[in-house]
Amino acid sequence: MYPKEYIDYLIQFHAERDYFECHEILEEYWKKEDPSNKNSIWVALILLAVSAYHHRRGNFSGAMRTLLKAKAIFLRNQSQVQILGLDTLQLFTLLDDRCSQIKQNNDFTNFPLPISDAQLLELCNYECKKRELTWNNGSSTTEHDIIHRHITRDRTSVIKEREQAKMDKKKKGNE
């Protein structure tokens, strides 16, 4: 019923607390499923994770900017929020709370997404157990590698993709 990538996103969000990886997982899925739609529900979820990533790093302006963009997209996609097994009212309460925390320059705290579908929650818990992870893990707020994932990750594939895109664009221009 739910895409595997969405389940992986939720596990990263709630168990690993690796918000950068959340972004990576759903960005690939979004590019495959709905690539030109900047108002896609997938983009809203990506931006929510990016906001959490920025907030945890103390980048309050980046956190607020991406959170407000996510909120606007969630507003336009409320029916899809429900289809994804999330409680719409609780989600908007959560987003407002996060905005307040960021506005006050409060330190980052982990937060759960308001999953309202019991089967989705059961599936996520099952996947966590298979991966030997703890659902709603409260840790990973100070681990250097997770906080600075964009700096510590291997960028070889990203660089190769960008170079290939440049070559493809150049090739198209010469035709």
N, C-alpha and C. Protein backbone atom coordinates (compact mmCIF):
# COMPACT_ATOMS: atom_id res chain seq x y z
N MET A 1 0.81 -1.19 0.00
CA MET A 1 0.00 0.00 0.00
C MET A 1 0.86 1.27 0.00
N TYR A 2 1.94 1.26 0.77
CA TYR A 2 2.84 2.41 0.83
C TYR A 2 4.13 2.09 0.07
N PRO A 3 4.71 3.08 -0.60
CA PRO A 3 5.98 2.83 -1.29
C PRO A 3 7.08 2.46 -0.30
N LYS A 4 7.94 1.57 -0.72
CA LYS A 4 9.06 1.14 0.12
C LYS A 4 9.89 2.34 0.56
N GLU A 5 10.08 3.30 -0.34
CA GLU A 5 10.89 4.47 -0.02
C GLU A 5 10.26 5.30 1.11
N TYR A 6 8.95 5.34 1.14
CA TYR A 6 8.26 6.07 2.21
C TYR A 6 8.50 5.36 3.55
N ILE A 7 8.41 4.05 3.55
CA ILE A 7 8.69 3.28 4.77
C ILE A 7 10.14 3.52 5.21
N ASP A 8 11.07 3.48 4.25
CA ASP A 8 12.48 3.72 4.57
C ASP A 8 12.67 5.13 5.14
N TYR A 9 11.98 6.11 4.57
CA TYR A 9 12.02 7.48 5.08
C TYR A 9 11.55 7.52 6.53
N LEU A 10 10.42 6.90 6.78
CA LEU A 10 9.87 6.91 8.15
C LEU A 10 10.82 6.24 9.14
N ILE A 11 11.47 5.17 8.72
CA ILE A 11 12.41 4.49 9.60
C ILE A 11 13.63 5.37 9.87
N GLN A 12 14.13 6.01 8.83
CA GLN A 12 15.24 6.95 9.04
C GLN A 12 14.82 8.08 9.97
N PHE A 13 13.61 8.59 9.76
CA PHE A 13 13.11 9.73 10.53
C PHE A 13 12.92 9.38 12.00
N HIS A 14 12.42 8.18 12.27
CA HIS A 14 12.05 7.81 13.65
C HIS A 14 13.05 6.92 14.37
N ALA A 15 13.85 6.18 13.65
CA ALA A 15 14.78 5.24 14.29
C ALA A 15 16.23 5.69 14.16
N GLU A 16 16.67 5.96 12.97
CA GLU A 16 18.05 6.40 12.75
C GLU A 16 18.24 7.88 13.06
N ARG A 17 17.18 8.66 12.85
CA ARG A 17 17.21 10.12 13.02
C ARG A 17 18.22 10.76 12.09
N ASP A 18 18.41 10.14 10.92
CA ASP A 18 19.33 10.67 9.91
C ASP A 18 18.48 11.42 8.88
N TYR A 19 18.28 12.70 9.13
CA TYR A 19 17.38 13.50 8.30
C TYR A 19 17.95 13.75 6.92
N PHE A 20 19.28 13.77 6.82
CA PHE A 20 19.89 13.91 5.51
C PHE A 20 19.56 12.69 4.65
N GLU A 21 19.63 11.53 5.25
CA GLU A 21 19.31 10.28 4.53
C GLU A 21 17.83 10.26 4.16
N CYS A 22 16.97 10.80 5.02
CA CYS A 22 15.54 10.91 4.69
C CYS A 22 15.39 11.66 3.37
N HIS A 23 16.10 12.76 3.28
CA HIS A 23 16.08 13.59 2.08
C HIS A 23 16.54 12.79 0.86
N GLU A 24 17.64 12.08 1.01
CA GLU A 24 18.20 11.30 -0.10
C GLU A 24 17.22 10.23 -0.59
N ILE A 25 16.62 9.52 0.35
CA ILE A 25 15.70 8.44 0.03
C ILE A 25 14.52 8.95 -0.78
N LEU A 26 13.87 9.99 -0.27
CA LEU A 26 12.66 10.48 -0.95
C LEU A 26 12.96 11.30 -2.19
N GLU A 27 14.12 11.93 -2.24
CA GLU A 27 14.46 12.69 -3.45
C GLU A 27 14.55 11.75 -4.65
N GLU A 28 15.21 10.61 -4.46
CA GLU A 28 15.31 9.63 -5.55
C GLU A 28 13.92 9.15 -5.97
N TYR A 29 13.08 8.87 -4.99
CA TYR A 29 11.72 8.40 -5.29
C TYR A 29 10.93 9.49 -6.02
N TRP A 30 10.99 10.70 -5.52
CA TRP A 30 10.28 11.83 -6.14
C TRP A 30 10.73 12.03 -7.58
N LYS A 31 12.04 12.00 -7.82
CA LYS A 31 12.58 12.18 -9.17
C LYS A 31 12.06 11.11 -10.12
N LYS A 32 11.83 9.93 -9.59
CA LYS A 32 11.35 8.81 -10.40
C LYS A 32 9.84 8.90 -10.62
N GLU A 33 9.09 9.28 -9.60
CA GLU A 33 7.63 9.21 -9.64
C GLU A 33 6.92 10.50 -10.05
N ASP A 34 7.48 11.64 -9.71
CA ASP A 34 6.78 12.92 -9.91
C ASP A 34 7.80 14.04 -10.09
N PRO A 35 8.74 13.88 -11.04
CA PRO A 35 9.94 14.71 -11.09
C PRO A 35 9.76 16.21 -11.29
N SER A 36 8.78 16.64 -12.01
CA SER A 36 8.68 18.07 -12.28
C SER A 36 7.72 18.78 -11.33
N ASN A 37 7.13 18.06 -10.41
CA ASN A 37 6.14 18.63 -9.50
C ASN A 37 6.79 19.10 -8.20
N LYS A 38 7.07 20.39 -8.13
CA LYS A 38 7.71 20.96 -6.93
C LYS A 38 6.72 21.07 -5.77
N ASN A 39 5.42 20.82 -6.05
CA ASN A 39 4.40 20.85 -5.00
C ASN A 39 3.96 19.45 -4.60
N SER A 40 4.76 18.47 -4.92
CA SER A 40 4.47 17.08 -4.58
C SER A 40 4.54 16.87 -3.07
N ILE A 41 3.71 15.97 -2.59
CA ILE A 41 3.75 15.60 -1.17
C ILE A 41 5.14 15.08 -0.80
N TRP A 42 5.81 14.46 -1.75
CA TRP A 42 7.16 13.94 -1.49
C TRP A 42 8.12 15.10 -1.23
N VAL A 43 7.95 16.20 -1.94
CA VAL A 43 8.79 17.38 -1.73
C VAL A 43 8.55 17.94 -0.33
N ALA A 44 7.29 17.95 0.11
CA ALA A 44 6.98 18.43 1.46
C ALA A 44 7.70 17.59 2.51
N LEU A 45 7.68 16.28 2.35
CA LEU A 45 8.36 15.41 3.30
C LEU A 45 9.88 15.59 3.25
N ILE A 46 10.40 15.78 2.05
CA ILE A 46 11.84 16.05 1.90
C ILE A 46 12.20 17.34 2.63
N LEU A 47 11.42 18.38 2.41
CA LEU A 47 11.69 19.67 3.04
C LEU A 47 11.57 19.59 4.56
N LEU A 48 10.64 18.81 5.05
CA LEU A 48 10.50 18.63 6.50
C LEU A 48 11.78 18.02 7.08
N ALA A 49 12.30 17.01 6.41
CA ALA A 49 13.55 16.38 6.87
C ALA A 49 14.72 17.36 6.76
N VAL A 50 14.77 18.13 5.69
CA VAL A 50 15.84 19.12 5.52
C VAL A 50 15.76 20.17 6.63
N SER A 51 14.55 20.58 6.96
CA SER A 51 14.38 21.54 8.05
C SER A 51 14.92 20.98 9.36
N ALA A 52 14.59 19.73 9.65
CA ALA A 52 15.09 19.09 10.88
C ALA A 52 16.62 19.02 10.85
N TYR A 53 17.18 18.71 9.69
CA TYR A 53 18.64 18.64 9.53
C TYR A 53 19.27 20.00 9.84
N HIS A 54 18.71 21.06 9.25
CA HIS A 54 19.24 22.41 9.49
C HIS A 54 19.08 22.81 10.95
N HIS A 55 17.92 22.55 11.52
CA HIS A 55 17.65 22.93 12.90
C HIS A 55 18.65 22.26 13.84
N ARG A 56 18.87 20.98 13.64
CA ARG A 56 19.79 20.24 14.49
C ARG A 56 21.21 20.81 14.39
N ARG A 57 21.56 21.37 13.22
CA ARG A 57 22.90 21.95 13.03
C ARG A 57 22.97 23.40 13.51
N GLY A 58 21.83 23.95 13.98
CA GLY A 58 21.82 25.33 14.45
C GLY A 58 21.63 26.35 13.36
N ASN A 59 21.26 25.90 12.17
CA ASN A 59 20.99 26.81 11.05
C ASN A 59 19.50 27.16 11.11
N PHE A 60 19.17 28.12 11.95
CA PHE A 60 17.77 28.45 12.19
C PHE A 60 17.08 29.07 10.98
N SER A 61 17.79 29.91 10.23
CA SER A 61 17.15 30.52 9.06
C SER A 61 16.87 29.47 7.99
N GLY A 62 17.80 28.55 7.75
CA GLY A 62 17.57 27.47 6.80
C GLY A 62 16.46 26.54 7.25
N ALA A 63 16.42 26.29 8.56
CA ALA A 63 15.37 25.43 9.11
C ALA A 63 14.01 26.06 8.93
N MET A 64 13.90 27.35 9.21
CA MET A 64 12.61 28.04 9.08
C MET A 64 12.18 28.13 7.62
N ARG A 65 13.09 28.48 6.76
CA ARG A 65 12.77 28.63 5.34
C ARG A 65 12.23 27.31 4.76
N THR A 66 12.92 26.22 5.03
CA THR A 66 12.48 24.93 4.47
C THR A 66 11.20 24.43 5.15
N LEU A 67 11.05 24.71 6.43
CA LEU A 67 9.83 24.29 7.13
C LEU A 67 8.61 25.03 6.60
N LEU A 68 8.74 26.32 6.35
CA LEU A 68 7.61 27.08 5.81
C LEU A 68 7.24 26.60 4.40
N LYS A 69 8.23 26.26 3.60
CA LYS A 69 7.95 25.70 2.27
C LYS A 69 7.23 24.36 2.41
N ALA A 70 7.70 23.53 3.32
CA ALA A 70 7.05 22.22 3.55
C ALA A 70 5.61 22.42 3.98
N LYS A 71 5.39 23.33 4.90
CA LYS A 71 4.05 23.58 5.42
C LYS A 71 3.09 24.02 4.31
N ALA A 72 3.57 24.90 3.43
CA ALA A 72 2.73 25.37 2.32
C ALA A 72 2.36 24.21 1.40
N ILE A 73 3.29 23.33 1.14
CA ILE A 73 3.00 22.18 0.27
C ILE A 73 2.06 21.20 0.98
N PHE A 74 2.27 20.97 2.26
CA PHE A 74 1.35 20.11 3.01
C PHE A 74 -0.08 20.68 2.96
N LEU A 75 -0.20 21.99 3.09
CA LEU A 75 -1.52 22.63 3.03
C LEU A 75 -2.22 22.35 1.71
N ARG A 76 -1.47 22.38 0.62
CA ARG A 76 -2.04 22.14 -0.70
C ARG A 76 -2.34 20.66 -0.95
N ASN A 77 -1.79 19.79 -0.12
CA ASN A 77 -1.90 18.34 -0.33
C ASN A 77 -2.50 17.61 0.87
N GLN A 78 -3.46 18.22 1.52
CA GLN A 78 -4.00 17.63 2.76
C GLN A 78 -4.59 16.24 2.54
N SER A 79 -5.22 16.02 1.42
CA SER A 79 -5.80 14.68 1.18
C SER A 79 -4.68 13.64 1.03
N GLN A 80 -3.57 14.03 0.44
CA GLN A 80 -2.45 13.09 0.30
C GLN A 80 -1.78 12.82 1.64
N VAL A 81 -1.80 13.82 2.53
CA VAL A 81 -1.26 13.62 3.88
C VAL A 81 -2.00 12.46 4.53
N GLN A 82 -3.33 12.47 4.40
CA GLN A 82 -4.14 11.41 4.99
C GLN A 82 -3.89 10.07 4.30
N ILE A 83 -3.74 10.09 2.98
CA ILE A 83 -3.46 8.86 2.23
C ILE A 83 -2.15 8.23 2.69
N LEU A 84 -1.21 9.07 3.11
CA LEU A 84 0.07 8.57 3.59
C LEU A 84 0.03 8.14 5.06
N GLY A 85 -1.18 8.09 5.62
CA GLY A 85 -1.34 7.56 6.97
C GLY A 85 -0.96 8.53 8.07
N LEU A 86 -0.96 9.83 7.76
CA LEU A 86 -0.62 10.84 8.76
C LEU A 86 -1.88 11.58 9.18
N ASP A 87 -1.92 12.01 10.43
CA ASP A 87 -3.03 12.80 10.95
C ASP A 87 -2.80 14.26 10.57
N THR A 88 -3.67 14.80 9.73
CA THR A 88 -3.48 16.15 9.20
C THR A 88 -3.47 17.21 10.29
N LEU A 89 -4.44 17.18 11.17
CA LEU A 89 -4.52 18.18 12.23
C LEU A 89 -3.28 18.14 13.13
N GLN A 90 -2.89 16.95 13.52
CA GLN A 90 -1.69 16.82 14.36
C GLN A 90 -0.44 17.26 13.62
N LEU A 91 -0.39 17.00 12.32
CA LEU A 91 0.77 17.41 11.53
C LEU A 91 0.90 18.93 11.54
N PHE A 92 -0.21 19.64 11.32
CA PHE A 92 -0.13 21.10 11.29
C PHE A 92 0.17 21.68 12.68
N THR A 93 -0.31 21.03 13.71
CA THR A 93 0.05 21.44 15.07
C THR A 93 1.55 21.27 15.29
N LEU A 94 2.07 20.13 14.84
CA LEU A 94 3.49 19.85 14.94
C LEU A 94 4.31 20.89 14.17
N LEU A 95 3.89 21.21 12.94
CA LEU A 95 4.62 22.18 12.13
C LEU A 95 4.63 23.55 12.80
N ASP A 96 3.50 23.95 13.37
CA ASP A 96 3.43 25.24 14.08
C ASP A 96 4.37 25.23 15.29
N ASP A 97 4.39 24.12 16.01
CA ASP A 97 5.28 23.99 17.16
C ASP A 97 6.73 24.09 16.74
N ARG A 98 7.08 23.41 15.66
CA ARG A 98 8.46 23.46 15.16
C ARG A 98 8.84 24.88 14.75
N CYS A 99 7.91 25.59 14.10
CA CYS A 99 8.16 26.99 13.72
C CYS A 99 8.45 27.83 14.96
N SER A 100 7.68 27.64 16.00
CA SER A 100 7.90 28.39 17.25
C SER A 100 9.26 28.08 17.85
N GLN A 101 9.62 26.81 17.87
CA GLN A 101 10.92 26.42 18.43
C GLN A 101 12.07 27.05 17.65
N ILE A 102 11.93 27.03 16.33
CA ILE A 102 12.99 27.60 15.49
C ILE A 102 13.05 29.11 15.66
N LYS A 103 11.90 29.75 15.66
CA LYS A 103 11.83 31.21 15.81
C LYS A 103 12.50 31.66 17.10
N GLN A 104 12.37 30.85 18.15
CA GLN A 104 12.96 31.18 19.46
C GLN A 104 14.41 30.71 19.59
N ASN A 105 14.95 30.18 18.48
CA ASN A 105 16.32 29.64 18.47
C ASN A 105 16.53 28.57 19.53
N ASN A 106 15.49 27.78 19.79
CA ASN A 106 15.60 26.67 20.74
C ASN A 106 16.43 25.55 20.12
N ASP A 107 17.14 24.82 20.96
CA ASP A 107 17.89 23.67 20.49
C ASP A 107 16.95 22.66 19.86
N PHE A 108 17.47 21.91 18.94
CA PHE A 108 16.69 20.88 18.26
C PHE A 108 16.33 19.75 19.22
N THR A 109 15.13 19.25 19.07
CA THR A 109 14.70 18.03 19.74
C THR A 109 14.05 17.13 18.69
N ASN A 110 14.26 15.83 18.84
CA ASN A 110 13.62 14.89 17.92
C ASN A 110 12.11 14.97 18.07
N PHE A 111 11.40 14.63 17.01
CA PHE A 111 9.95 14.64 17.06
C PHE A 111 9.41 13.55 16.15
N PRO A 112 8.31 12.94 16.55
CA PRO A 112 7.70 11.92 15.70
C PRO A 112 6.68 12.54 14.75
N LEU A 113 6.52 11.94 13.61
CA LEU A 113 5.45 12.33 12.70
C LEU A 113 4.16 11.68 13.21
N PRO A 114 3.04 12.36 13.07
CA PRO A 114 1.77 11.84 13.62
C PRO A 114 1.14 10.77 12.72
N ILE A 115 1.63 9.56 12.86
CA ILE A 115 1.12 8.45 12.06
C ILE A 115 -0.21 8.00 12.65
N SER A 116 -1.24 8.02 11.82
CA SER A 116 -2.58 7.64 12.29
C SER A 116 -3.00 6.26 11.81
N ASP A 117 -2.28 5.70 10.85
CA ASP A 117 -2.62 4.38 10.32
C ASP A 117 -1.91 3.31 11.15
N ALA A 118 -2.67 2.52 11.89
CA ALA A 118 -2.10 1.49 12.76
C ALA A 118 -1.30 0.46 11.95
N GLN A 119 -1.75 0.14 10.74
CA GLN A 119 -1.02 -0.83 9.92
C GLN A 119 0.33 -0.27 9.48
N LEU A 120 0.38 1.01 9.17
CA LEU A 120 1.64 1.64 8.79
C LEU A 120 2.60 1.61 9.98
N LEU A 121 2.11 1.94 11.13
CA LEU A 121 2.93 1.92 12.34
C LEU A 121 3.45 0.51 12.62
N GLU A 122 2.59 -0.47 12.46
CA GLU A 122 2.98 -1.86 12.65
C GLU A 122 4.06 -2.26 11.65
N LEU A 123 3.89 -1.86 10.39
CA LEU A 123 4.87 -2.17 9.35
C LEU A 123 6.22 -1.52 9.67
N CYS A 124 6.20 -0.28 10.10
CA CYS A 124 7.44 0.41 10.46
C CYS A 124 8.14 -0.27 11.63
N ASN A 125 7.38 -0.65 12.63
CA ASN A 125 7.96 -1.36 13.78
C ASN A 125 8.55 -2.70 13.36
N TYR A 126 7.84 -3.41 12.49
CA TYR A 126 8.33 -4.69 11.98
C TYR A 126 9.67 -4.49 11.23
N GLU A 127 9.72 -3.49 10.36
CA GLU A 127 10.94 -3.22 9.60
C GLU A 127 12.09 -2.82 10.53
N CYS A 128 11.78 -2.04 11.55
CA CYS A 128 12.81 -1.66 12.52
C CYS A 128 13.39 -2.89 13.21
N LYS A 129 12.53 -3.79 13.63
CA LYS A 129 13.00 -5.00 14.31
C LYS A 129 13.88 -5.83 13.38
N LYS A 130 13.49 -5.94 12.10
CA LYS A 130 14.31 -6.67 11.13
C LYS A 130 15.69 -6.04 10.99
N ARG A 131 15.75 -4.74 11.09
CA ARG A 131 17.01 -4.01 10.92
C ARG A 131 17.73 -3.76 12.25
N GLU A 132 17.17 -4.32 13.31
CA GLU A 132 17.72 -4.16 14.66
C GLU A 132 17.82 -2.69 15.06
N LEU A 133 16.73 -1.98 14.80
CA LEU A 133 16.62 -0.56 15.14
C LEU A 133 15.48 -0.38 16.14
N THR A 134 15.48 0.75 16.81
CA THR A 134 14.43 1.07 17.76
C THR A 134 13.56 2.18 17.20
N TRP A 135 12.28 1.89 17.04
CA TRP A 135 11.32 2.90 16.56
C TRP A 135 11.21 4.02 17.60
N ASN A 136 11.14 5.25 17.12
CA ASN A 136 11.08 6.45 17.96
C ASN A 136 12.29 6.55 18.88
N ASN A 137 13.42 6.18 18.34
CA ASN A 137 14.68 6.30 19.04
C ASN A 137 14.92 7.76 19.37
N GLY A 138 15.24 8.05 20.59
CA GLY A 138 15.44 9.44 21.00
C GLY A 138 16.87 9.92 20.86
N SER A 139 17.77 9.09 20.36
CA SER A 139 19.18 9.49 20.31
C SER A 139 19.53 10.13 18.97
N SER A 140 20.79 10.15 18.68
CA SER A 140 21.35 10.68 17.44
C SER A 140 21.20 12.19 17.30
N THR A 141 21.08 12.89 18.40
CA THR A 141 21.00 14.34 18.28
C THR A 141 22.38 14.99 18.33
N THR A 142 23.40 14.25 18.73
CA THR A 142 24.73 14.84 18.83
C THR A 142 25.80 14.08 18.07
N GLU A 143 25.46 13.03 17.38
CA GLU A 143 26.47 12.27 16.64
C GLU A 143 26.98 13.09 15.46
N HIS A 144 28.28 13.31 15.42
CA HIS A 144 28.92 14.16 14.41
C HIS A 144 28.56 13.73 12.99
N ASP A 145 28.67 12.44 12.69
CA ASP A 145 28.42 11.97 11.33
C ASP A 145 26.99 12.24 10.88
N ILE A 146 26.04 12.13 11.77
CA ILE A 146 24.64 12.38 11.40
C ILE A 146 24.36 13.87 11.29
N ILE A 147 24.92 14.64 12.20
CA ILE A 147 24.68 16.08 12.17
C ILE A 147 25.31 16.72 10.93
N HIS A 148 26.46 16.24 10.52
CA HIS A 148 27.20 16.83 9.40
C HIS A 148 27.26 15.88 8.20
N ARG A 149 26.18 15.16 7.96
CA ARG A 149 26.14 14.15 6.89
C ARG A 149 26.55 14.71 5.53
N HIS A 150 26.15 15.94 5.23
CA HIS A 150 26.46 16.50 3.91
C HIS A 150 27.96 16.71 3.73
N ILE A 151 28.70 16.80 4.81
CA ILE A 151 30.14 16.98 4.74
C ILE A 151 30.86 15.63 4.75
N THR A 152 30.36 14.69 5.54
CA THR A 152 31.08 13.43 5.77
C THR A 152 30.73 12.34 4.76
N ARG A 153 29.70 12.52 3.96
CA ARG A 153 29.29 11.45 3.04
C ARG A 153 30.22 11.35 1.83
N ASP A 154 30.20 10.21 1.19
CA ASP A 154 30.95 9.99 -0.03
C ASP A 154 30.17 10.62 -1.18
N ARG A 155 30.73 11.60 -1.83
CA ARG A 155 30.05 12.35 -2.88
C ARG A 155 30.43 11.87 -4.29
N THR A 156 31.14 10.78 -4.42
CA THR A 156 31.60 10.31 -5.71
C THR A 156 30.46 10.15 -6.70
N SER A 157 29.39 9.50 -6.30
CA SER A 157 28.27 9.28 -7.23
C SER A 157 27.57 10.58 -7.59
N VAL A 158 27.47 11.51 -6.65
CA VAL A 158 26.84 12.80 -6.92
C VAL A 158 27.65 13.56 -7.96
N ILE A 159 28.96 13.57 -7.80
CA ILE A 159 29.85 14.27 -8.73
C ILE A 159 29.76 13.64 -10.11
N LYS A 160 29.73 12.31 -10.17
CA LYS A 160 29.61 11.62 -11.46
C LYS A 160 28.30 11.97 -12.15
N GLU A 161 27.19 11.99 -11.40
CA GLU A 161 25.89 12.33 -11.97
C GLU A 161 25.89 13.75 -12.53
N ARG A 162 26.47 14.69 -11.80
CA ARG A 162 26.52 16.08 -12.26
C ARG A 162 27.35 16.21 -13.53
N GLU A 163 28.48 15.53 -13.56
CA GLU A 163 29.33 15.58 -14.75
C GLU A 163 28.61 14.98 -15.96
N GLN A 164 27.90 13.87 -15.73
CA GLN A 164 27.15 13.24 -16.81
C GLN A 164 26.05 14.17 -17.31
N ALA A 165 25.35 14.84 -16.38
CA ALA A 165 24.30 15.78 -16.77
C ALA A 165 24.87 16.93 -17.59
N LYS A 166 26.04 17.42 -17.22
CA LYS A 166 26.69 18.49 -17.99
C LYS A 166 27.03 18.02 -19.40
N MET A 167 27.57 16.80 -19.47
CA MET A 167 27.94 16.25 -20.78
C MET A 167 26.70 16.05 -21.64
N ASP A 168 25.63 15.55 -21.04
CA ASP A 168 24.38 15.34 -21.78
C ASP A 168 23.82 16.66 -22.29
N LYS A 169 23.87 17.68 -21.46
CA LYS A 169 23.36 19.01 -21.83
C LYS A 169 24.20 19.60 -22.96
N LYS A 170 25.50 19.44 -22.84
CA LYS A 170 26.41 19.95 -23.87
C LYS A 170 26.17 19.22 -25.20
N LYS A 171 25.97 17.91 -25.10
CA LYS A 171 25.71 17.10 -26.28
C LYS A 171 24.41 17.53 -26.97
N LYS A 172 23.36 17.78 -26.18
CA LYS A 172 22.09 18.26 -26.74
C LYS A 172 22.24 19.61 -27.42
N GLY A 173 23.08 20.47 -26.84
CA GLY A 173 23.30 21.80 -27.40
C GLY A 173 24.03 21.74 -28.73
N ASN A 174 24.82 20.71 -28.94
CA ASN A 174 25.59 20.56 -30.18
C ASN A 174 24.78 19.90 -31.29
N GLU A 175 23.61 19.37 -30.96
CA GLU A 175 22.80 18.67 -31.97
C GLU A 175 21.98 19.63 -32.78
